[in-house]
Amino acid sequence: MGTLWFGGKIYTLEHENETVEAVYTENGRIKKVGSKSELTMMFEKELTALHDLEGNVMIPGFVDSHLHMIGHGEKLLRLDLSEADSAEKMKKLLISKVSEASPNEWIIGEGWNENNFHDRKIFHRDELDEIAPHNPMMLTRVCRHAILANSIALTLAGITDETPDPEGGVIIRDNDGRATGYLLESCSGISEGYHARSKY
């Protein structure tokens, strides 16, 4: 019926860095926090299991339905493109970001979604080159399964017009056979190049 958790560092998240000695739960829900002895006495009749955390950390309510924690943290540090509801707005956000950047500094954007644009425009690398002629640019789609890159970023990743599609990925090309900078799924050379050369 009820479980007593103890023996670790248990954060309540009620106040910053607040910890308690023990937690009593029923059916996956926290009923009470306090000392081990206090909770043992209070829920003596309901208590059916003891769980020693063995020095580990316990955080209540930490449920991940489908969230990539590292990616989410990175997104908070990068240019947010998720609110752009048109290609024009996305372009303005990029131009503004480039204006603040030093030459050769990576321009990293997150969350663009062409389905929010009336024309469903997907930028070609030539257009990104005009926006950022001196900066490598990598823009991750909202799904995180596709990116846009300008020519500098493609070069750093070793991707040319002749580069074959990698296994599980597609390098989108235009009618002239040129790589457009639109990379799907496992074309991960751009992000690898970024992490290898960027300075945080």
C-alpha atoms as a PDB file:
ATOM      1  CA  MET A   1       0.000   0.000   0.000  1.00  0.00           C
ATOM      2  CA  GLY A   2       2.644   2.509   1.041  1.00  0.00           C
ATOM      3  CA  THR A   3       6.404   2.875   0.579  1.00  0.00           C
ATOM      4  CA  LEU A   4       8.917   4.696   2.739  1.00  0.00           C
ATOM      5  CA  TRP A   5      11.922   6.092   0.885  1.00  0.00           C
ATOM      6  CA  PHE A   6      15.032   6.999   2.895  1.00  0.00           C
ATOM      7  CA  GLY A   7      18.807   6.792   3.006  1.00  0.00           C
ATOM      8  CA  GLY A   8      19.629   9.278   0.266  1.00  0.00           C
ATOM      9  CA  LYS A   9      19.610  12.942  -0.663  1.00  0.00           C
ATOM     10  CA  ILE A  10      15.909  13.675  -1.166  1.00  0.00           C
ATOM     11  CA  TYR A  11      15.056  17.030  -2.740  1.00  0.00           C
ATOM     12  CA  THR A  12      11.541  18.397  -2.182  1.00  0.00           C
ATOM     13  CA  LEU A  13      11.749  21.150  -4.865  1.00  0.00           C
ATOM     14  CA  GLU A  14       9.529  23.242  -2.573  1.00  0.00           C
ATOM     15  CA  HIS A  15      12.444  25.557  -1.878  1.00  0.00           C
ATOM     16  CA  GLU A  16      15.886  25.789  -3.461  1.00  0.00           C
ATOM     17  CA  ASN A  17      18.184  22.974  -2.263  1.00  0.00           C
ATOM     18  CA  GLU A  18      15.656  21.866   0.376  1.00  0.00           C
ATOM     19  CA  THR A  19      16.117  18.212   1.363  1.00  0.00           C
ATOM     20  CA  VAL A  20      14.370  15.818   3.732  1.00  0.00           C
ATOM     21  CA  GLU A  21      15.333  12.557   5.382  1.00  0.00           C
ATOM     22  CA  ALA A  22      12.432  10.473   4.094  1.00  0.00           C
ATOM     23  CA  VAL A  23       9.364  10.379   1.840  1.00  0.00           C
ATOM     24  CA  TYR A  24       6.197   8.313   2.174  1.00  0.00           C
ATOM     25  CA  THR A  25       4.348   7.448  -1.064  1.00  0.00           C
ATOM     26  CA  GLU A  26       1.167   5.615  -2.004  1.00  0.00           C
ATOM     27  CA  ASN A  27       0.340   4.487  -5.542  1.00  0.00           C
ATOM     28  CA  GLY A  28       3.159   6.591  -6.981  1.00  0.00           C
ATOM     29  CA  ARG A  29       2.076   9.769  -5.178  1.00  0.00           C
ATOM     30  CA  ILE A  30       3.888  11.586  -2.395  1.00  0.00           C
ATOM     31  CA  LYS A  31       1.775  11.692   0.749  1.00  0.00           C
ATOM     32  CA  LYS A  32       4.212  13.132   3.275  1.00  0.00           C
ATOM     33  CA  VAL A  33       7.852  14.117   3.766  1.00  0.00           C
ATOM     34  CA  GLY A  34       9.800  14.304   7.001  1.00  0.00           C
ATOM     35  CA  SER A  35      12.086  12.201   9.169  1.00  0.00           C
ATOM     36  CA  LYS A  36      12.222   8.432   8.826  1.00  0.00           C
ATOM     37  CA  SER A  37      11.046   7.846  12.397  1.00  0.00           C
ATOM     38  CA  GLU A  38       8.207  10.358  12.095  1.00  0.00           C
ATOM     39  CA  LEU A  39       6.842   8.861   8.886  1.00  0.00           C
ATOM     40  CA  THR A  40       7.271   5.282  10.123  1.00  0.00           C
ATOM     41  CA  MET A  41       5.110   6.059  13.141  1.00  0.00           C
ATOM     42  CA  MET A  42       2.562   8.111  11.212  1.00  0.00           C
ATOM     43  CA  PHE A  43       1.956   5.485   8.510  1.00  0.00           C
ATOM     44  CA  GLU A  44       2.705   2.347  10.516  1.00  0.00           C
ATOM     45  CA  LYS A  45      -0.506   0.572   9.445  1.00  0.00           C
ATOM     46  CA  GLU A  46      -0.251   1.514   5.765  1.00  0.00           C
ATOM     47  CA  LEU A  47       3.481   0.917   5.364  1.00  0.00           C
ATOM     48  CA  THR A  48       4.193  -2.179   3.273  1.00  0.00           C
ATOM     49  CA  ALA A  49       7.638  -1.488   1.764  1.00  0.00           C
ATOM     50  CA  LEU A  50      10.916   0.159   2.741  1.00  0.00           C
ATOM     51  CA  HIS A  51      13.206   1.481   0.038  1.00  0.00           C
ATOM     52  CA  ASP A  52      16.783   2.389   0.983  1.00  0.00           C
ATOM     53  CA  LEU A  53      18.187   4.830  -1.588  1.00  0.00           C
ATOM     54  CA  GLU A  54      21.718   3.844  -0.573  1.00  0.00           C
ATOM     55  CA  GLY A  55      23.015   7.383  -0.851  1.00  0.00           C
ATOM     56  CA  ASN A  56      21.446   8.158  -4.227  1.00  0.00           C
ATOM     57  CA  VAL A  57      19.513  11.314  -5.094  1.00  0.00           C
ATOM     58  CA  MET A  58      15.695  11.363  -5.253  1.00  0.00           C
ATOM     59  CA  ILE A  59      13.775  14.083  -7.073  1.00  0.00           C
ATOM     60  CA  PRO A  60       9.963  14.100  -6.860  1.00  0.00           C
ATOM     61  CA  GLY A  61       7.768  14.433  -9.914  1.00  0.00           C
ATOM     62  CA  PHE A  62      10.596  14.014 -12.401  1.00  0.00           C
ATOM     63  CA  VAL A  63       8.702  12.402 -15.267  1.00  0.00           C
ATOM     64  CA  ASP A  64      10.058  12.394 -18.823  1.00  0.00           C
ATOM     65  CA  SER A  65       7.294  11.659 -21.319  1.00  0.00           C
ATOM     66  CA  HIS A  66       9.605  12.344 -24.255  1.00  0.00           C
ATOM     67  CA  LEU A  67      12.097  15.103 -23.639  1.00  0.00           C
ATOM     68  CA  HIS A  68      15.737  15.127 -24.675  1.00  0.00           C
ATOM     69  CA  MET A  69      17.188  16.916 -21.663  1.00  0.00           C
ATOM     70  CA  ILE A  70      20.546  17.848 -23.177  1.00  0.00           C
ATOM     71  CA  GLY A  71      18.867  19.065 -26.352  1.00  0.00           C
ATOM     72  CA  HIS A  72      16.369  21.093 -24.359  1.00  0.00           C
ATOM     73  CA  GLY A  73      19.155  22.711 -22.374  1.00  0.00           C
ATOM     74  CA  GLU A  74      21.057  23.537 -25.555  1.00  0.00           C
ATOM     75  CA  LYS A  75      17.901  25.024 -27.049  1.00  0.00           C
ATOM     76  CA  LEU A  76      17.642  27.489 -24.170  1.00  0.00           C
ATOM     77  CA  LEU A  77      21.129  28.766 -25.038  1.00  0.00           C
ATOM     78  CA  ARG A  78      20.501  29.136 -28.774  1.00  0.00           C
ATOM     79  CA  LEU A  79      18.439  31.240 -31.129  1.00  0.00           C
ATOM     80  CA  ASP A  80      14.782  30.249 -30.712  1.00  0.00           C
ATOM     81  CA  LEU A  81      13.095  29.987 -34.105  1.00  0.00           C
ATOM     82  CA  SER A  82       9.974  28.198 -32.870  1.00  0.00           C
ATOM     83  CA  GLU A  83       7.868  31.366 -32.750  1.00  0.00           C
ATOM     84  CA  ALA A  84       8.594  32.329 -36.366  1.00  0.00           C
ATOM     85  CA  ASP A  85       5.297  31.982 -38.251  1.00  0.00           C
ATOM     86  CA  SER A  86       6.721  33.062 -41.603  1.00  0.00           C
ATOM     87  CA  ALA A  87       9.938  32.750 -43.562  1.00  0.00           C
ATOM     88  CA  GLU A  88      10.292  36.528 -43.373  1.00  0.00           C
ATOM     89  CA  LYS A  89      10.246  36.480 -39.565  1.00  0.00           C
ATOM     90  CA  MET A  90      12.733  33.646 -39.468  1.00  0.00           C
ATOM     91  CA  LYS A  91      15.038  35.589 -41.779  1.00  0.00           C
ATOM     92  CA  LYS A  92      14.823  38.686 -39.563  1.00  0.00           C
ATOM     93  CA  LEU A  93      15.717  36.632 -36.491  1.00  0.00           C
ATOM     94  CA  LEU A  94      18.728  35.192 -38.292  1.00  0.00           C
ATOM     95  CA  ILE A  95      19.915  38.576 -39.556  1.00  0.00           C
ATOM     96  CA  SER A  96      19.652  39.998 -36.044  1.00  0.00           C
ATOM     97  CA  LYS A  97      21.637  37.109 -34.586  1.00  0.00           C
ATOM     98  CA  VAL A  98      24.354  37.398 -37.240  1.00  0.00           C
ATOM     99  CA  SER A  99      24.686  41.133 -36.566  1.00  0.00           C
ATOM    100  CA  GLU A 100      25.658  40.318 -32.974  1.00  0.00           C
ATOM    101  CA  ALA A 101      28.140  37.583 -33.880  1.00  0.00           C
ATOM    102  CA  SER A 102      31.865  37.748 -34.522  1.00  0.00           C
ATOM    103  CA  PRO A 103      33.284  36.443 -37.823  1.00  0.00           C
ATOM    104  CA  ASN A 104      33.546  32.621 -37.848  1.00  0.00           C
ATOM    105  CA  GLU A 105      31.272  32.329 -34.804  1.00  0.00           C
ATOM    106  CA  TRP A 106      28.646  29.607 -35.208  1.00  0.00           C
ATOM    107  CA  ILE A 107      25.050  30.707 -35.662  1.00  0.00           C
ATOM    108  CA  ILE A 108      22.911  28.001 -34.081  1.00  0.00           C
ATOM    109  CA  GLY A 109      19.123  28.126 -34.316  1.00  0.00           C
ATOM    110  CA  GLU A 110      16.499  25.745 -32.971  1.00  0.00           C
ATOM    111  CA  GLY A 111      12.882  24.913 -33.673  1.00  0.00           C
ATOM    112  CA  TRP A 112      12.047  26.236 -37.152  1.00  0.00           C
ATOM    113  CA  ASN A 113       8.951  24.695 -38.720  1.00  0.00           C
ATOM    114  CA  GLU A 114       8.078  25.376 -42.346  1.00  0.00           C
ATOM    115  CA  ASN A 115       4.536  24.137 -41.688  1.00  0.00           C
ATOM    116  CA  ASN A 116       3.976  27.416 -39.842  1.00  0.00           C
ATOM    117  CA  PHE A 117       4.823  29.393 -43.007  1.00  0.00           C
ATOM    118  CA  HIS A 118       2.069  30.170 -45.520  1.00  0.00           C
ATOM    119  CA  ASP A 119       4.364  29.108 -48.372  1.00  0.00           C
ATOM    120  CA  ARG A 120       6.100  26.298 -46.417  1.00  0.00           C
ATOM    121  CA  LYS A 121       9.425  27.719 -47.514  1.00  0.00           C
ATOM    122  CA  ILE A 122      12.624  25.850 -46.708  1.00  0.00           C
ATOM    123  CA  PHE A 123      15.714  28.033 -47.025  1.00  0.00           C
ATOM    124  CA  HIS A 124      18.368  27.126 -49.585  1.00  0.00           C
ATOM    125  CA  ARG A 125      21.992  27.341 -48.517  1.00  0.00           C
ATOM    126  CA  ASP A 126      22.507  30.237 -50.958  1.00  0.00           C
ATOM    127  CA  GLU A 127      19.958  32.280 -49.005  1.00  0.00           C
ATOM    128  CA  LEU A 128      21.654  31.389 -45.734  1.00  0.00           C
ATOM    129  CA  ASP A 129      24.990  32.408 -47.275  1.00  0.00           C
ATOM    130  CA  GLU A 130      23.577  35.854 -47.970  1.00  0.00           C
ATOM    131  CA  ILE A 131      22.441  36.155 -44.358  1.00  0.00           C
ATOM    132  CA  ALA A 132      25.676  34.789 -42.875  1.00  0.00           C
ATOM    133  CA  PRO A 133      28.544  35.107 -45.363  1.00  0.00           C
ATOM    134  CA  HIS A 134      31.215  34.920 -42.649  1.00  0.00           C
ATOM    135  CA  ASN A 135      29.648  32.560 -40.118  1.00  0.00           C
ATOM    136  CA  PRO A 136      28.884  28.849 -40.215  1.00  0.00           C
ATOM    137  CA  MET A 137      25.153  28.366 -39.648  1.00  0.00           C
ATOM    138  CA  MET A 138      23.213  25.328 -38.419  1.00  0.00           C
ATOM    139  CA  LEU A 139      19.446  25.485 -37.903  1.00  0.00           C
ATOM    140  CA  THR A 140      17.704  22.496 -36.333  1.00  0.00           C
ATOM    141  CA  ARG A 141      14.096  21.785 -37.290  1.00  0.00           C
ATOM    142  CA  VAL A 142      11.481  21.443 -34.533  1.00  0.00           C
ATOM    143  CA  CYS A 143      11.483  17.646 -34.963  1.00  0.00           C
ATOM    144  CA  ARG A 144      15.271  17.524 -34.509  1.00  0.00           C
ATOM    145  CA  HIS A 145      15.475  15.104 -37.447  1.00  0.00           C
ATOM    146  CA  ALA A 146      16.499  17.731 -40.025  1.00  0.00           C
ATOM    147  CA  ILE A 147      18.812  20.722 -40.207  1.00  0.00           C
ATOM    148  CA  LEU A 148      19.591  23.605 -42.514  1.00  0.00           C
ATOM    149  CA  ALA A 149      23.210  24.618 -43.060  1.00  0.00           C
ATOM    150  CA  ASN A 150      24.988  27.282 -45.052  1.00  0.00           C
ATOM    151  CA  SER A 151      28.014  26.675 -47.266  1.00  0.00           C
ATOM    152  CA  ILE A 152      30.613  27.340 -44.565  1.00  0.00           C
ATOM    153  CA  ALA A 153      29.001  24.773 -42.271  1.00  0.00           C
ATOM    154  CA  LEU A 154      28.770  22.235 -45.095  1.00  0.00           C
ATOM    155  CA  THR A 155      32.451  22.726 -45.896  1.00  0.00           C
ATOM    156  CA  LEU A 156      33.444  22.258 -42.255  1.00  0.00           C
ATOM    157  CA  ALA A 157      31.420  19.033 -42.230  1.00  0.00           C
ATOM    158  CA  GLY A 158      33.094  17.824 -45.414  1.00  0.00           C
ATOM    159  CA  ILE A 159      29.829  17.788 -47.370  1.00  0.00           C
ATOM    160  CA  THR A 160      30.078  18.697 -51.060  1.00  0.00           C
ATOM    161  CA  ASP A 161      27.709  18.407 -54.003  1.00  0.00           C
ATOM    162  CA  GLU A 162      29.317  15.050 -54.759  1.00  0.00           C
ATOM    163  CA  THR A 163      28.987  13.616 -51.261  1.00  0.00           C
ATOM    164  CA  PRO A 164      26.747  10.531 -51.364  1.00  0.00           C
ATOM    165  CA  ASP A 165      23.795  10.243 -49.003  1.00  0.00           C
ATOM    166  CA  PRO A 166      24.912   8.564 -45.779  1.00  0.00           C
ATOM    167  CA  GLU A 167      23.187   5.429 -44.562  1.00  0.00           C
ATOM    168  CA  GLY A 168      19.868   6.461 -43.042  1.00  0.00           C
ATOM    169  CA  GLY A 169      20.146  10.062 -44.214  1.00  0.00           C
ATOM    170  CA  VAL A 170      19.472  12.290 -47.204  1.00  0.00           C
ATOM    171  CA  ILE A 171      21.341  15.308 -48.529  1.00  0.00           C
ATOM    172  CA  ILE A 172      18.609  17.256 -50.307  1.00  0.00           C
ATOM    173  CA  ARG A 173      19.748  18.586 -53.690  1.00  0.00           C
ATOM    174  CA  ASP A 174      18.320  21.176 -56.045  1.00  0.00           C
ATOM    175  CA  ASN A 175      17.521  20.753 -59.751  1.00  0.00           C
ATOM    176  CA  ASP A 176      21.178  21.395 -60.596  1.00  0.00           C
ATOM    177  CA  GLY A 177      22.332  18.598 -58.300  1.00  0.00           C
ATOM    178  CA  ARG A 178      23.770  20.976 -55.696  1.00  0.00           C
ATOM    179  CA  ALA A 179      23.425  20.248 -52.009  1.00  0.00           C
ATOM    180  CA  THR A 180      20.823  22.716 -50.732  1.00  0.00           C
ATOM    181  CA  GLY A 181      21.981  22.627 -47.121  1.00  0.00           C
ATOM    182  CA  TYR A 182      18.836  20.739 -46.095  1.00  0.00           C
ATOM    183  CA  LEU A 183      19.973  17.544 -44.362  1.00  0.00           C
ATOM    184  CA  LEU A 184      17.663  14.820 -43.112  1.00  0.00           C
ATOM    185  CA  GLU A 185      18.109  12.415 -40.198  1.00  0.00           C
ATOM    186  CA  SER A 186      21.577  10.874 -39.890  1.00  0.00           C
ATOM    187  CA  CYS A 187      23.535  13.472 -41.896  1.00  0.00           C
ATOM    188  CA  SER A 188      25.195  14.340 -38.615  1.00  0.00           C
ATOM    189  CA  GLY A 189      28.491  15.695 -39.872  1.00  0.00           C
ATOM    190  CA  ILE A 190      27.342  19.286 -39.374  1.00  0.00           C
ATOM    191  CA  SER A 191      26.637  18.906 -35.673  1.00  0.00           C
ATOM    192  CA  GLU A 192      29.841  16.912 -35.202  1.00  0.00           C
ATOM    193  CA  GLY A 193      31.781  19.669 -36.954  1.00  0.00           C
ATOM    194  CA  TYR A 194      30.106  22.280 -34.811  1.00  0.00           C
ATOM    195  CA  HIS A 195      30.965  20.576 -31.537  1.00  0.00           C
ATOM    196  CA  ALA A 196      34.534  19.948 -32.658  1.00  0.00           C
ATOM    197  CA  ARG A 197      35.199  23.568 -33.592  1.00  0.00           C
ATOM    198  CA  SER A 198      32.879  25.705 -31.489  1.00  0.00           C
ATOM    199  CA  LYS A 199      33.779  27.619 -28.354  1.00  0.00           C
ATOM    200  CA  TYR A 200      31.154  27.811 -25.619  1.00  0.00           C
END
